[in-house]
């Protein structure tokens, strides 16, 4: 694998690609992305679920009360 990092200073960037002998005749893939883009994609693959975020914050009774209250508010909103 050949990997390099560049910082273009204009919209057109002419580059001469030099391949090792064992790359000749092989199908190659050229990818261009911002260095930080890969990190963003990785974060999206493992999102924190809302239930995990608030685990053990409410007691079961408080959670049920909150859920009941939320359901009631949604019903009231839908009736408007």
C-alpha atoms as a PDB file:
ATOM      1  CA  UNK A   1       0.000   0.000   0.000  1.00  0.00           C
ATOM      2  CA  UNK A   2       1.200   3.488  -0.797  1.00  0.00           C
ATOM      3  CA  UNK A   3      -0.152   6.358   1.251  1.00  0.00           C
ATOM      4  CA  UNK A   4       0.751  10.019   1.310  1.00  0.00           C
ATOM      5  CA  UNK A   5      -0.729  13.251   2.628  1.00  0.00           C
ATOM      6  CA  UNK A   6      -0.814  16.432   0.542  1.00  0.00           C
ATOM      7  CA  UNK A   7      -2.074  19.968   1.150  1.00  0.00           C
ATOM      8  CA  UNK A   8      -3.271  21.486  -2.139  1.00  0.00           C
ATOM      9  CA  UNK A   9      -2.998  25.249  -2.531  1.00  0.00           C
ATOM     10  CA  UNK A  10      -5.199  25.538  -5.628  1.00  0.00           C
ATOM     11  CA  UNK A  11      -8.181  23.722  -7.120  1.00  0.00           C
ATOM     12  CA  UNK A  12      -6.110  22.006  -9.819  1.00  0.00           C
ATOM     13  CA  UNK A  13      -3.436  19.649  -8.549  1.00  0.00           C
ATOM     14  CA  UNK A  14      -1.331  17.854 -11.132  1.00  0.00           C
ATOM     15  CA  UNK A  15       0.572  14.947  -9.709  1.00  0.00           C
ATOM     16  CA  UNK A  16       2.712  12.266 -11.286  1.00  0.00           C
ATOM     17  CA  UNK A  17       1.859   8.872  -9.846  1.00  0.00           C
ATOM     18  CA  UNK A  18       4.728   6.402  -9.615  1.00  0.00           C
ATOM     19  CA  UNK A  19       3.802   2.772  -8.982  1.00  0.00           C
ATOM     20  CA  UNK A  20       5.988  -0.134  -7.890  1.00  0.00           C
ATOM     21  CA  UNK A  21       6.519  -2.929 -10.431  1.00  0.00           C
ATOM     22  CA  UNK A  22       4.145  -5.328  -8.623  1.00  0.00           C
ATOM     23  CA  UNK A  23       1.304  -2.785  -9.015  1.00  0.00           C
ATOM     24  CA  UNK A  24       1.493  -2.849 -12.809  1.00  0.00           C
ATOM     25  CA  UNK A  25      -1.433  -4.585 -14.480  1.00  0.00           C
ATOM     26  CA  UNK A  26      -3.408  -4.584 -11.217  1.00  0.00           C
ATOM     27  CA  UNK A  27      -6.695  -2.776 -10.617  1.00  0.00           C
ATOM     28  CA  UNK A  28      -5.943   0.148  -8.268  1.00  0.00           C
ATOM     29  CA  UNK A  29      -8.230   2.482  -6.343  1.00  0.00           C
ATOM     30  CA  UNK A  30      -7.457   6.167  -5.760  1.00  0.00           C
ATOM     31  CA  UNK A  31      -9.373   7.857  -2.947  1.00  0.00           C
ATOM     32  CA  UNK A  32      -9.368  11.543  -1.991  1.00  0.00           C
ATOM     33  CA  UNK A  33     -10.921  12.704   1.275  1.00  0.00           C
ATOM     34  CA  UNK A  34     -10.209  15.207   4.011  1.00  0.00           C
ATOM     35  CA  UNK A  35      -8.016  13.738   6.699  1.00  0.00           C
ATOM     36  CA  UNK A  36     -10.701  14.244   9.379  1.00  0.00           C
ATOM     37  CA  UNK A  37     -13.530  12.757   7.291  1.00  0.00           C
ATOM     38  CA  UNK A  38     -12.600   9.197   8.224  1.00  0.00           C
ATOM     39  CA  UNK A  39     -12.935  10.036  11.917  1.00  0.00           C
ATOM     40  CA  UNK A  40     -16.445  11.425  11.459  1.00  0.00           C
ATOM     41  CA  UNK A  41     -17.607   8.286   9.685  1.00  0.00           C
ATOM     42  CA  UNK A  42     -16.255   6.105  12.474  1.00  0.00           C
ATOM     43  CA  UNK A  43     -18.211   8.099  15.047  1.00  0.00           C
ATOM     44  CA  UNK A  44     -21.419   7.654  13.080  1.00  0.00           C
ATOM     45  CA  UNK A  45     -20.971   3.891  13.048  1.00  0.00           C
ATOM     46  CA  UNK A  46     -21.101   3.697  16.841  1.00  0.00           C
ATOM     47  CA  UNK A  47     -23.701   6.226  17.995  1.00  0.00           C
ATOM     48  CA  UNK A  48     -24.657   6.294  21.672  1.00  0.00           C
ATOM     49  CA  UNK A  49     -28.241   5.159  22.125  1.00  0.00           C
ATOM     50  CA  UNK A  50     -30.445   7.488  24.146  1.00  0.00           C
ATOM     51  CA  UNK A  51     -31.357   4.634  26.496  1.00  0.00           C
ATOM     52  CA  UNK A  52     -27.645   4.008  27.189  1.00  0.00           C
ATOM     53  CA  UNK A  53     -26.980   7.709  27.731  1.00  0.00           C
ATOM     54  CA  UNK A  54     -29.579   7.968  30.513  1.00  0.00           C
ATOM     55  CA  UNK A  55     -29.162   4.477  31.998  1.00  0.00           C
ATOM     56  CA  UNK A  56     -29.313   4.565  35.826  1.00  0.00           C
ATOM     57  CA  UNK A  57     -30.162   8.292  35.871  1.00  0.00           C
ATOM     58  CA  UNK A  58     -33.840   7.702  36.724  1.00  0.00           C
ATOM     59  CA  UNK A  59     -35.301   5.153  39.078  1.00  0.00           C
ATOM     60  CA  UNK A  60     -37.745   2.767  37.409  1.00  0.00           C
ATOM     61  CA  UNK A  61     -40.635   4.605  39.038  1.00  0.00           C
ATOM     62  CA  UNK A  62     -39.372   8.006  37.851  1.00  0.00           C
ATOM     63  CA  UNK A  63     -38.798   6.640  34.348  1.00  0.00           C
ATOM     64  CA  UNK A  64     -42.339   5.229  34.194  1.00  0.00           C
ATOM     65  CA  UNK A  65     -43.795   8.494  35.468  1.00  0.00           C
ATOM     66  CA  UNK A  66     -41.768  10.481  32.941  1.00  0.00           C
ATOM     67  CA  UNK A  67     -42.806   8.131  30.116  1.00  0.00           C
ATOM     68  CA  UNK A  68     -46.489   8.384  31.105  1.00  0.00           C
ATOM     69  CA  UNK A  69     -46.253  12.169  31.234  1.00  0.00           C
ATOM     70  CA  UNK A  70     -44.537  12.278  27.827  1.00  0.00           C
ATOM     71  CA  UNK A  71     -47.189  10.042  26.269  1.00  0.00           C
ATOM     72  CA  UNK A  72     -49.931  12.270  27.685  1.00  0.00           C
ATOM     73  CA  UNK A  73     -48.277  15.410  26.292  1.00  0.00           C
ATOM     74  CA  UNK A  74     -47.976  13.779  22.856  1.00  0.00           C
ATOM     75  CA  UNK A  75     -51.668  12.869  22.886  1.00  0.00           C
ATOM     76  CA  UNK A  76     -52.572  16.443  23.800  1.00  0.00           C
ATOM     77  CA  UNK A  77     -50.335  17.782  21.042  1.00  0.00           C
ATOM     78  CA  UNK A  78     -51.893  15.433  18.466  1.00  0.00           C
ATOM     79  CA  UNK A  79     -55.403  16.584  19.408  1.00  0.00           C
ATOM     80  CA  UNK A  80     -54.615  20.220  18.574  1.00  0.00           C
END
